[in-house]
Amino acid sequence: TEDTKWVSMEKEISRRVKIVQSSADESERRVVVELQFAIGDHQQV
């Protein structure tokens, strides 16, 4: 979409993870949620 559009979602938090990136000096805590998706004919949560 031009001027990228966004859609809102709400999910229950599964857990939080600590992410350490090589380009950053400090770690970052991210929220983890469960999503249902499909790749090819394969469906998974």
All heavy atoms as atom14 arrays in JSON, in Angstrom:
{
  "sequence": "TEDTKWVSMEKEISRRVKIVQSSADESERRVVVELQFAIGDHQQV",
  "atom14_mask": [
    [1, 1, 1, 1, 1, 1, 1, 0, 0, 0, 0, 0, 0, 0],
    [1, 1, 1, 1, 1, 1, 1, 1, 1, 0, 0, 0, 0, 0],
    [1, 1, 1, 1, 1, 1, 1, 1, 0, 0, 0, 0, 0, 0],
    [1, 1, 1, 1, 1, 1, 1, 0, 0, 0, 0, 0, 0, 0],
    [1, 1, 1, 1, 1, 1, 1, 1, 1, 0, 0, 0, 0, 0],
    [1, 1, 1, 1, 1, 1, 1, 1, 1, 1, 1, 1, 1, 1],
    [1, 1, 1, 1, 1, 1, 1, 0, 0, 0, 0, 0, 0, 0],
    [1, 1, 1, 1, 1, 1, 0, 0, 0, 0, 0, 0, 0, 0],
    [1, 1, 1, 1, 1, 1, 1, 1, 0, 0, 0, 0, 0, 0],
    [1, 1, 1, 1, 1, 1, 1, 1, 1, 0, 0, 0, 0, 0],
    [1, 1, 1, 1, 1, 1, 1, 1, 1, 0, 0, 0, 0, 0],
    [1, 1, 1, 1, 1, 1, 1, 1, 1, 0, 0, 0, 0, 0],
    [1, 1, 1, 1, 1, 1, 1, 1, 0, 0, 0, 0, 0, 0],
    [1, 1, 1, 1, 1, 1, 0, 0, 0, 0, 0, 0, 0, 0],
    [1, 1, 1, 1, 1, 1, 1, 1, 1, 1, 1, 0, 0, 0],
    [1, 1, 1, 1, 1, 1, 1, 1, 1, 1, 1, 0, 0, 0],
    [1, 1, 1, 1, 1, 1, 1, 0, 0, 0, 0, 0, 0, 0],
    [1, 1, 1, 1, 1, 1, 1, 1, 1, 0, 0, 0, 0, 0],
    [1, 1, 1, 1, 1, 1, 1, 1, 0, 0, 0, 0, 0, 0],
    [1, 1, 1, 1, 1, 1, 1, 0, 0, 0, 0, 0, 0, 0],
    [1, 1, 1, 1, 1, 1, 1, 1, 1, 0, 0, 0, 0, 0],
    [1, 1, 1, 1, 1, 1, 0, 0, 0, 0, 0, 0, 0, 0],
    [1, 1, 1, 1, 1, 1, 0, 0, 0, 0, 0, 0, 0, 0],
    [1, 1, 1, 1, 1, 0, 0, 0, 0, 0, 0, 0, 0, 0],
    [1, 1, 1, 1, 1, 1, 1, 1, 0, 0, 0, 0, 0, 0],
    [1, 1, 1, 1, 1, 1, 1, 1, 1, 0, 0, 0, 0, 0],
    [1, 1, 1, 1, 1, 1, 0, 0, 0, 0, 0, 0, 0, 0],
    [1, 1, 1, 1, 1, 1, 1, 1, 1, 0, 0, 0, 0, 0],
    [1, 1, 1, 1, 1, 1, 1, 1, 1, 1, 1, 0, 0, 0],
    [1, 1, 1, 1, 1, 1, 1, 1, 1, 1, 1, 0, 0, 0],
    [1, 1, 1, 1, 1, 1, 1, 0, 0, 0, 0, 0, 0, 0],
    [1, 1, 1, 1, 1, 1, 1, 0, 0, 0, 0, 0, 0, 0],
    [1, 1, 1, 1, 1, 1, 1, 0, 0, 0, 0, 0, 0, 0],
    [1, 1, 1, 1, 1, 1, 1, 1, 1, 0, 0, 0, 0, 0],
    [1, 1, 1, 1, 1, 1, 1, 1, 0, 0, 0, 0, 0, 0],
    [1, 1, 1, 1, 1, 1, 1, 1, 1, 0, 0, 0, 0, 0],
    [1, 1, 1, 1, 1, 1, 1, 1, 1, 1, 1, 0, 0, 0],
    [1, 1, 1, 1, 1, 0, 0, 0, 0, 0, 0, 0, 0, 0],
    [1, 1, 1, 1, 1, 1, 1, 1, 0, 0, 0, 0, 0, 0],
    [1, 1, 1, 1, 0, 0, 0, 0, 0, 0, 0, 0, 0, 0],
    [1, 1, 1, 1, 1, 1, 1, 1, 0, 0, 0, 0, 0, 0],
    [1, 1, 1, 1, 1, 1, 1, 1, 1, 1, 0, 0, 0, 0],
    [1, 1, 1, 1, 1, 1, 1, 1, 1, 0, 0, 0, 0, 0],
    [1, 1, 1, 1, 1, 1, 1, 1, 1, 0, 0, 0, 0, 0],
    [1, 1, 1, 1, 1, 1, 1, 0, 0, 0, 0, 0, 0, 0]
  ],
  "atom14_positions": [
    [[0.84, -1.2, 0.0], [0.0, 0.0, 0.0], [0.88, 1.25, 0.0], [1.93, 1.28, 0.63], [-0.91, 0.04, 1.23], [-0.12, -0.03, 2.43], [-1.87, -1.13, 1.22], [0.0, 0.0, 0.0], [0.0, 0.0, 0.0], [0.0, 0.0, 0.0], [0.0, 0.0, 0.0], [0.0, 0.0, 0.0], [0.0, 0.0, 0.0], [0.0, 0.0, 0.0]],
    [[0.42, 2.26, -0.72], [1.15, 3.53, -0.72], [0.99, 4.2, 0.64], [-0.09, 4.15, 1.23], [0.62, 4.44, -1.83], [0.85, 3.9, -3.24], [0.34, 4.84, -4.29], [-0.18, 5.92, -3.91], [0.46, 4.5, -5.48], [0.0, 0.0, 0.0], [0.0, 0.0, 0.0], [0.0, 0.0, 0.0], [0.0, 0.0, 0.0], [0.0, 0.0, 0.0]],
    [[2.04, 4.86, 1.08], [2.02, 5.46, 2.41], [1.51, 4.43, 3.41], [0.44, 4.57, 4.02], [1.12, 6.71, 2.44], [1.61, 7.78, 1.48], [2.83, 7.88, 1.28], [0.76, 8.48, 0.92], [0.0, 0.0, 0.0], [0.0, 0.0, 0.0], [0.0, 0.0, 0.0], [0.0, 0.0, 0.0], [0.0, 0.0, 0.0], [0.0, 0.0, 0.0]],
    [[2.28, 3.4, 3.53], [1.9, 2.17, 4.22], [0.78, 2.33, 5.24], [0.86, 3.12, 6.18], [3.13, 1.58, 4.94], [4.16, 1.39, 3.99], [2.79, 0.25, 5.57], [0.0, 0.0, 0.0], [0.0, 0.0, 0.0], [0.0, 0.0, 0.0], [0.0, 0.0, 0.0], [0.0, 0.0, 0.0], [0.0, 0.0, 0.0], [0.0, 0.0, 0.0]],
    [[-0.28, 1.56, 5.04], [-1.38, 1.51, 5.99], [-1.06, 0.5, 7.09], [-0.25, -0.41, 6.9], [-2.68, 1.13, 5.27], [-3.14, 2.14, 4.25], [-4.45, 1.7, 3.61], [-4.93, 2.72, 2.58], [-6.19, 2.29, 1.93], [0.0, 0.0, 0.0], [0.0, 0.0, 0.0], [0.0, 0.0, 0.0], [0.0, 0.0, 0.0], [0.0, 0.0, 0.0]],
    [[-1.77, 0.65, 8.22], [-1.54, -0.24, 9.35], [-2.88, -0.73, 9.87], [-3.89, -0.03, 9.81], [-0.8, 0.5, 10.48], [0.56, 0.99, 10.08], [0.86, 2.08, 9.33], [1.82, 0.38, 10.4], [2.21, 2.2, 9.15], [2.83, 1.18, 9.8], [2.19, -0.74, 11.13], [4.19, 0.87, 9.91], [3.54, -1.05, 11.24], [4.52, -0.26, 10.64]],
    [[-2.86, -1.94, 10.37], [-4.07, -2.5, 10.99], [-3.74, -2.88, 12.43], [-2.61, -3.29, 12.75], [-4.59, -3.73, 10.22], [-5.1, -3.33, 8.86], [-3.51, -4.8, 10.09], [0.0, 0.0, 0.0], [0.0, 0.0, 0.0], [0.0, 0.0, 0.0], [0.0, 0.0, 0.0], [0.0, 0.0, 0.0], [0.0, 0.0, 0.0], [0.0, 0.0, 0.0]],
    [[-4.73, -2.74, 13.3], [-4.53, -2.99, 14.73], [-4.88, -4.43, 15.09], [-5.83, -5.02, 14.54], [-5.39, -2.03, 15.56], [-5.23, -2.27, 16.93], [0.0, 0.0, 0.0], [0.0, 0.0, 0.0], [0.0, 0.0, 0.0], [0.0, 0.0, 0.0], [0.0, 0.0, 0.0], [0.0, 0.0, 0.0], [0.0, 0.0, 0.0], [0.0, 0.0, 0.0]],
    [[-4.11, -4.99, 16.02], [-4.35, -6.35, 16.51], [-4.22, -6.36, 18.03], [-3.52, -5.53, 18.61], [-3.35, -7.34, 15.89], [-3.43, -7.47, 14.39], [-2.19, -8.66, 13.74], [-2.71, -10.18, 14.54], [0.0, 0.0, 0.0], [0.0, 0.0, 0.0], [0.0, 0.0, 0.0], [0.0, 0.0, 0.0], [0.0, 0.0, 0.0], [0.0, 0.0, 0.0]],
    [[-4.88, -7.31, 18.66], [-4.77, -7.51, 20.11], [-4.5, -8.98, 20.37], [-5.21, -9.85, 19.85], [-6.06, -7.07, 20.83], [-6.3, -5.58, 20.8], [-7.56, -5.2, 21.56], [-8.28, -6.12, 22.03], [-7.83, -3.98, 21.71], [0.0, 0.0, 0.0], [0.0, 0.0, 0.0], [0.0, 0.0, 0.0], [0.0, 0.0, 0.0], [0.0, 0.0, 0.0]],
    [[-3.5, -9.26, 21.19], [-3.15, -10.64, 21.49], [-2.74, -10.75, 22.96], [-2.19, -9.8, 23.54], [-1.97, -11.11, 20.62], [-2.32, -11.32, 19.15], [-3.26, -12.51, 18.97], [-3.57, -12.76, 17.51], [-4.47, -13.93, 17.33], [0.0, 0.0, 0.0], [0.0, 0.0, 0.0], [0.0, 0.0, 0.0], [0.0, 0.0, 0.0], [0.0, 0.0, 0.0]],
    [[-2.97, -11.91, 23.53], [-2.48, -12.18, 24.88], [-0.98, -12.43, 24.82], [-0.49, -13.11, 23.91], [-3.19, -13.39, 25.48], [-2.83, -13.64, 26.93], [-3.66, -14.74, 27.57], [-4.51, -15.32, 26.86], [-3.45, -15.02, 28.77], [0.0, 0.0, 0.0], [0.0, 0.0, 0.0], [0.0, 0.0, 0.0], [0.0, 0.0, 0.0], [0.0, 0.0, 0.0]],
    [[-0.26, -11.88, 25.78], [1.2, -12.03, 25.79], [1.57, -13.45, 26.23], [1.13, -13.91, 27.28], [1.85, -11.0, 26.73], [1.57, -9.58, 26.22], [3.35, -11.23, 26.85], [2.08, -8.49, 27.14], [0.0, 0.0, 0.0], [0.0, 0.0, 0.0], [0.0, 0.0, 0.0], [0.0, 0.0, 0.0], [0.0, 0.0, 0.0], [0.0, 0.0, 0.0]],
    [[2.37, -14.12, 25.41], [2.84, -15.46, 25.76], [4.01, -15.4, 26.73], [4.06, -16.1, 27.74], [3.26, -16.23, 24.51], [2.17, -16.38, 23.62], [0.0, 0.0, 0.0], [0.0, 0.0, 0.0], [0.0, 0.0, 0.0], [0.0, 0.0, 0.0], [0.0, 0.0, 0.0], [0.0, 0.0, 0.0], [0.0, 0.0, 0.0], [0.0, 0.0, 0.0]],
    [[4.96, -14.53, 26.45], [6.15, -14.35, 27.29], [6.91, -13.14, 26.79], [6.51, -12.47, 25.84], [7.03, -15.6, 27.28], [7.54, -15.98, 25.89], [8.19, -17.35, 25.87], [8.62, -17.73, 24.53], [9.83, -17.54, 24.05], [10.77, -16.97, 24.81], [10.16, -17.93, 22.84], [0.0, 0.0, 0.0], [0.0, 0.0, 0.0], [0.0, 0.0, 0.0]],
    [[8.05, -12.88, 27.4], [8.95, -11.82, 26.95], [10.33, -12.42, 26.77], [10.73, -13.29, 27.54], [8.98, -10.66, 27.96], [7.66, -9.92, 28.08], [7.76, -8.8, 29.12], [6.52, -8.04, 29.23], [5.5, -8.37, 30.0], [5.57, -9.47, 30.74], [4.42, -7.63, 30.04], [0.0, 0.0, 0.0], [0.0, 0.0, 0.0], [0.0, 0.0, 0.0]],
    [[11.05, -11.95, 25.78], [12.38, -12.48, 25.51], [13.39, -11.35, 25.54], [13.07, -10.19, 25.27], [12.44, -13.21, 24.15], [11.58, -14.44, 24.16], [12.03, -12.26, 23.02], [0.0, 0.0, 0.0], [0.0, 0.0, 0.0], [0.0, 0.0, 0.0], [0.0, 0.0, 0.0], [0.0, 0.0, 0.0], [0.0, 0.0, 0.0], [0.0, 0.0, 0.0]],
    [[14.6, -11.7, 25.87], [15.71, -10.75, 25.91], [16.52, -10.91, 24.63], [17.05, -11.99, 24.35], [16.58, -11.02, 27.14], [17.7, -10.02, 27.35], [18.43, -10.33, 28.65], [19.55, -9.34, 28.91], [20.29, -9.65, 30.16], [0.0, 0.0, 0.0], [0.0, 0.0, 0.0], [0.0, 0.0, 0.0], [0.0, 0.0, 0.0], [0.0, 0.0, 0.0]],
    [[16.59, -9.84, 23.85], [17.28, -9.87, 22.56], [18.56, -9.03, 22.65], [18.54, -7.88, 23.1], [16.39, -9.31, 21.43], [15.07, -10.09, 21.37], [17.11, -9.37, 20.11], [15.23, -11.54, 21.0], [0.0, 0.0, 0.0], [0.0, 0.0, 0.0], [0.0, 0.0, 0.0], [0.0, 0.0, 0.0], [0.0, 0.0, 0.0], [0.0, 0.0, 0.0]],
    [[19.67, -9.64, 22.25], [20.95, -8.92, 22.21], [21.4, -8.86, 20.76], [21.63, -9.89, 20.12], [22.02, -9.63, 23.08], [23.33, -8.86, 23.01], [21.56, -9.75, 24.52], [0.0, 0.0, 0.0], [0.0, 0.0, 0.0], [0.0, 0.0, 0.0], [0.0, 0.0, 0.0], [0.0, 0.0, 0.0], [0.0, 0.0, 0.0], [0.0, 0.0, 0.0]],
    [[21.5, -7.65, 20.21], [21.92, -7.46, 18.83], [23.38, -7.01, 18.78], [23.83, -6.26, 19.65], [21.02, -6.43, 18.14], [19.56, -6.87, 18.03], [18.71, -5.83, 17.34], [19.11, -4.67, 17.22], [17.54, -6.24, 16.87], [0.0, 0.0, 0.0], [0.0, 0.0, 0.0], [0.0, 0.0, 0.0], [0.0, 0.0, 0.0], [0.0, 0.0, 0.0]],
    [[24.07, -7.45, 17.75], [25.49, -7.12, 17.62], [25.69, -5.63, 17.4], [26.74, -5.07, 17.74], [26.11, -7.9, 16.45], [25.4, -7.61, 15.24], [0.0, 0.0, 0.0], [0.0, 0.0, 0.0], [0.0, 0.0, 0.0], [0.0, 0.0, 0.0], [0.0, 0.0, 0.0], [0.0, 0.0, 0.0], [0.0, 0.0, 0.0], [0.0, 0.0, 0.0]],
    [[24.69, -4.96, 16.83], [24.82, -3.53, 16.54], [24.46, -2.65, 17.73], [24.61, -1.44, 17.66], [23.91, -3.16, 15.36], [22.56, -3.48, 15.66], [0.0, 0.0, 0.0], [0.0, 0.0, 0.0], [0.0, 0.0, 0.0], [0.0, 0.0, 0.0], [0.0, 0.0, 0.0], [0.0, 0.0, 0.0], [0.0, 0.0, 0.0], [0.0, 0.0, 0.0]],
    [[23.98, -3.26, 18.8], [23.56, -2.47, 19.98], [24.35, -2.92, 21.2], [24.7, -4.09, 21.34], [22.07, -2.64, 20.23], [0.0, 0.0, 0.0], [0.0, 0.0, 0.0], [0.0, 0.0, 0.0], [0.0, 0.0, 0.0], [0.0, 0.0, 0.0], [0.0, 0.0, 0.0], [0.0, 0.0, 0.0], [0.0, 0.0, 0.0], [0.0, 0.0, 0.0]],
    [[24.63, -1.96, 22.07], [25.39, -2.28, 23.28], [24.5, -2.87, 24.36], [24.96, -3.67, 25.18], [26.06, -1.0, 23.83], [27.09, -0.44, 22.86], [27.66, -1.26, 22.09], [27.33, 0.78, 22.86], [0.0, 0.0, 0.0], [0.0, 0.0, 0.0], [0.0, 0.0, 0.0], [0.0, 0.0, 0.0], [0.0, 0.0, 0.0], [0.0, 0.0, 0.0]],
    [[23.22, -2.49, 24.38], [22.32, -2.94, 25.42], [21.32, -3.95, 24.85], [20.98, -3.92, 23.68], [21.56, -1.76, 26.04], [22.48, -0.75, 26.72], [21.69, 0.39, 27.33], [20.45, 0.43, 27.14], [22.32, 1.25, 27.98], [0.0, 0.0, 0.0], [0.0, 0.0, 0.0], [0.0, 0.0, 0.0], [0.0, 0.0, 0.0], [0.0, 0.0, 0.0]],
    [[20.83, -4.82, 25.73], [19.84, -5.82, 25.33], [18.45, -5.18, 25.29], [18.2, -4.13, 25.88], [19.83, -6.99, 26.31], [19.51, -6.54, 27.61], [0.0, 0.0, 0.0], [0.0, 0.0, 0.0], [0.0, 0.0, 0.0], [0.0, 0.0, 0.0], [0.0, 0.0, 0.0], [0.0, 0.0, 0.0], [0.0, 0.0, 0.0], [0.0, 0.0, 0.0]],
    [[17.53, -5.83, 24.59], [16.16, -5.33, 24.44], [15.19, -6.45, 24.8], [15.37, -7.6, 24.4], [15.94, -4.87, 23.0], [14.52, -4.41, 22.71], [14.31, -4.1, 21.25], [15.28, -4.27, 20.47], [13.19, -3.73, 20.88], [0.0, 0.0, 0.0], [0.0, 0.0, 0.0], [0.0, 0.0, 0.0], [0.0, 0.0, 0.0], [0.0, 0.0, 0.0]],
    [[14.15, -6.11, 25.56], [13.13, -7.1, 25.91], [11.93, -6.9, 24.98], [11.4, -5.8, 24.86], [12.7, -6.95, 27.37], [13.83, -7.26, 28.35], [13.3, -7.4, 29.76], [12.46, -8.57, 29.92], [12.92, -9.8, 30.17], [14.22, -10.01, 30.28], [12.08, -10.8, 30.29], [0.0, 0.0, 0.0], [0.0, 0.0, 0.0], [0.0, 0.0, 0.0]],
    [[11.53, -8.0, 24.33], [10.44, -7.93, 23.38], [9.27, -8.79, 23.83], [9.45, -9.81, 24.5], [10.91, -8.38, 22.0], [11.95, -7.46, 21.36], [12.37, -7.99, 20.0], [13.4, -7.16, 19.38], [14.04, -7.49, 18.27], [13.75, -8.63, 17.64], [14.98, -6.69, 17.78], [0.0, 0.0, 0.0], [0.0, 0.0, 0.0], [0.0, 0.0, 0.0]],
    [[8.1, -8.37, 23.4], [6.87, -9.11, 23.69], [6.72, -10.24, 22.68], [6.99, -10.07, 21.49], [5.65, -8.16, 23.64], [4.36, -8.95, 23.79], [5.75, -7.12, 24.74], [0.0, 0.0, 0.0], [0.0, 0.0, 0.0], [0.0, 0.0, 0.0], [0.0, 0.0, 0.0], [0.0, 0.0, 0.0], [0.0, 0.0, 0.0], [0.0, 0.0, 0.0]],
    [[6.26, -11.39, 23.16], [6.05, -12.55, 22.29], [4.56, -12.91, 22.31], [3.95, -13.0, 23.38], [6.88, -13.76, 22.76], [6.63, -14.96, 21.85], [8.37, -13.41, 22.78], [0.0, 0.0, 0.0], [0.0, 0.0, 0.0], [0.0, 0.0, 0.0], [0.0, 0.0, 0.0], [0.0, 0.0, 0.0], [0.0, 0.0, 0.0], [0.0, 0.0, 0.0]],
    [[3.98, -13.08, 21.13], [2.57, -13.47, 21.0], [2.47, -14.67, 20.06], [3.39, -14.95, 19.28], [1.71, -12.31, 20.48], [1.73, -11.13, 21.44], [2.18, -11.86, 19.09], [0.0, 0.0, 0.0], [0.0, 0.0, 0.0], [0.0, 0.0, 0.0], [0.0, 0.0, 0.0], [0.0, 0.0, 0.0], [0.0, 0.0, 0.0], [0.0, 0.0, 0.0]],
    [[1.35, -15.35, 20.12], [1.1, -16.47, 19.22], [0.26, -16.0, 18.04], [-0.76, -15.33, 18.21], [0.38, -17.61, 19.96], [1.28, -18.36, 20.93], [0.59, -19.6, 21.48], [-0.65, -19.71, 21.32], [1.29, -20.46, 22.04], [0.0, 0.0, 0.0], [0.0, 0.0, 0.0], [0.0, 0.0, 0.0], [0.0, 0.0, 0.0], [0.0, 0.0, 0.0]],
    [[0.7, -16.35, 16.82], [-0.01, -15.98, 15.61], [-0.26, -17.22, 14.77], [0.57, -18.14, 14.72], [0.81, -14.97, 14.79], [1.14, -13.62, 15.47], [2.03, -12.79, 14.56], [-0.13, -12.87, 15.83], [0.0, 0.0, 0.0], [0.0, 0.0, 0.0], [0.0, 0.0, 0.0], [0.0, 0.0, 0.0], [0.0, 0.0, 0.0], [0.0, 0.0, 0.0]],
    [[-1.4, -17.23, 14.09], [-1.7, -18.33, 13.17], [-1.36, -17.88, 11.76], [-1.7, -16.76, 11.35], [-3.17, -18.73, 13.25], [-3.49, -19.96, 12.38], [-4.87, -20.52, 12.66], [-5.69, -19.86, 13.28], [-5.13, -21.72, 12.19], [0.0, 0.0, 0.0], [0.0, 0.0, 0.0], [0.0, 0.0, 0.0], [0.0, 0.0, 0.0], [0.0, 0.0, 0.0]],
    [[-0.7, -18.75, 11.03], [-0.24, -18.39, 9.69], [-0.26, -19.61, 8.78], [-0.51, -20.75, 9.23], [1.17, -17.81, 9.75], [2.22, -18.8, 10.18], [2.95, -19.54, 9.25], [2.46, -19.04, 11.53], [3.91, -20.45, 9.64], [3.41, -19.95, 11.93], [4.14, -20.66, 10.99], [0.0, 0.0, 0.0], [0.0, 0.0, 0.0], [0.0, 0.0, 0.0]],
    [[0.05, -19.36, 7.52], [0.15, -20.45, 6.55], [1.31, -20.16, 5.61], [1.56, -19.01, 5.22], [-1.14, -20.6, 5.76], [0.0, 0.0, 0.0], [0.0, 0.0, 0.0], [0.0, 0.0, 0.0], [0.0, 0.0, 0.0], [0.0, 0.0, 0.0], [0.0, 0.0, 0.0], [0.0, 0.0, 0.0], [0.0, 0.0, 0.0], [0.0, 0.0, 0.0]],
    [[2.05, -21.21, 5.27], [3.09, -21.17, 4.24], [2.8, -22.34, 3.31], [2.82, -23.5, 3.74], [4.5, -21.29, 4.84], [4.83, -20.05, 5.68], [5.54, -21.46, 3.75], [6.2, -20.09, 6.34], [0.0, 0.0, 0.0], [0.0, 0.0, 0.0], [0.0, 0.0, 0.0], [0.0, 0.0, 0.0], [0.0, 0.0, 0.0], [0.0, 0.0, 0.0]],
    [[2.52, -22.03, 2.04], [2.08, -23.09, 1.13], [0.75, -23.65, 1.63], [-0.16, -22.92, 1.98], [0.0, 0.0, 0.0], [0.0, 0.0, 0.0], [0.0, 0.0, 0.0], [0.0, 0.0, 0.0], [0.0, 0.0, 0.0], [0.0, 0.0, 0.0], [0.0, 0.0, 0.0], [0.0, 0.0, 0.0], [0.0, 0.0, 0.0], [0.0, 0.0, 0.0]],
    [[0.66, -24.97, 1.7], [-0.56, -25.6, 2.21], [-0.42, -25.98, 3.7], [-1.26, -26.69, 4.24], [-0.91, -26.84, 1.38], [0.21, -27.89, 1.41], [1.25, -27.64, 2.08], [0.07, -28.95, 0.78], [0.0, 0.0, 0.0], [0.0, 0.0, 0.0], [0.0, 0.0, 0.0], [0.0, 0.0, 0.0], [0.0, 0.0, 0.0], [0.0, 0.0, 0.0]],
    [[0.65, -25.49, 4.3], [0.9, -25.8, 5.72], [0.38, -24.67, 6.61], [0.69, -23.49, 6.39], [2.41, -25.99, 5.95], [2.77, -26.11, 7.4], [2.53, -27.25, 8.13], [3.35, -25.22, 8.26], [2.96, -27.09, 9.37], [3.45, -25.85, 9.48], [0.0, 0.0, 0.0], [0.0, 0.0, 0.0], [0.0, 0.0, 0.0], [0.0, 0.0, 0.0]],
    [[-0.42, -25.03, 7.61], [-0.95, -24.08, 8.58], [-0.36, -24.38, 9.96], [-0.16, -25.54, 10.32], [-2.48, -24.15, 8.64], [-3.16, -23.81, 7.33], [-4.67, -23.9, 7.44], [-5.22, -24.01, 8.52], [-5.35, -23.86, 6.29], [0.0, 0.0, 0.0], [0.0, 0.0, 0.0], [0.0, 0.0, 0.0], [0.0, 0.0, 0.0], [0.0, 0.0, 0.0]],
    [[-0.12, -23.32, 10.72], [0.53, -23.52, 12.01], [0.27, -22.31, 12.92], [0.0, -21.21, 12.45], [2.05, -23.68, 11.81], [2.82, -24.03, 13.06], [4.3, -24.27, 12.77], [4.68, -24.48, 11.62], [5.12, -24.22, 13.8], [0.0, 0.0, 0.0], [0.0, 0.0, 0.0], [0.0, 0.0, 0.0], [0.0, 0.0, 0.0], [0.0, 0.0, 0.0]],
    [[0.34, -22.56, 14.22], [0.32, -21.49, 15.23], [1.68, -21.5, 15.91], [2.14, -22.55, 16.37], [-0.79, -21.71, 16.28], [-0.7, -20.64, 17.38], [-2.16, -21.65, 15.63], [0.0, 0.0, 0.0], [0.0, 0.0, 0.0], [0.0, 0.0, 0.0], [0.0, 0.0, 0.0], [0.0, 0.0, 0.0], [0.0, 0.0, 0.0], [0.0, 0.0, 0.0]]
  ]
}
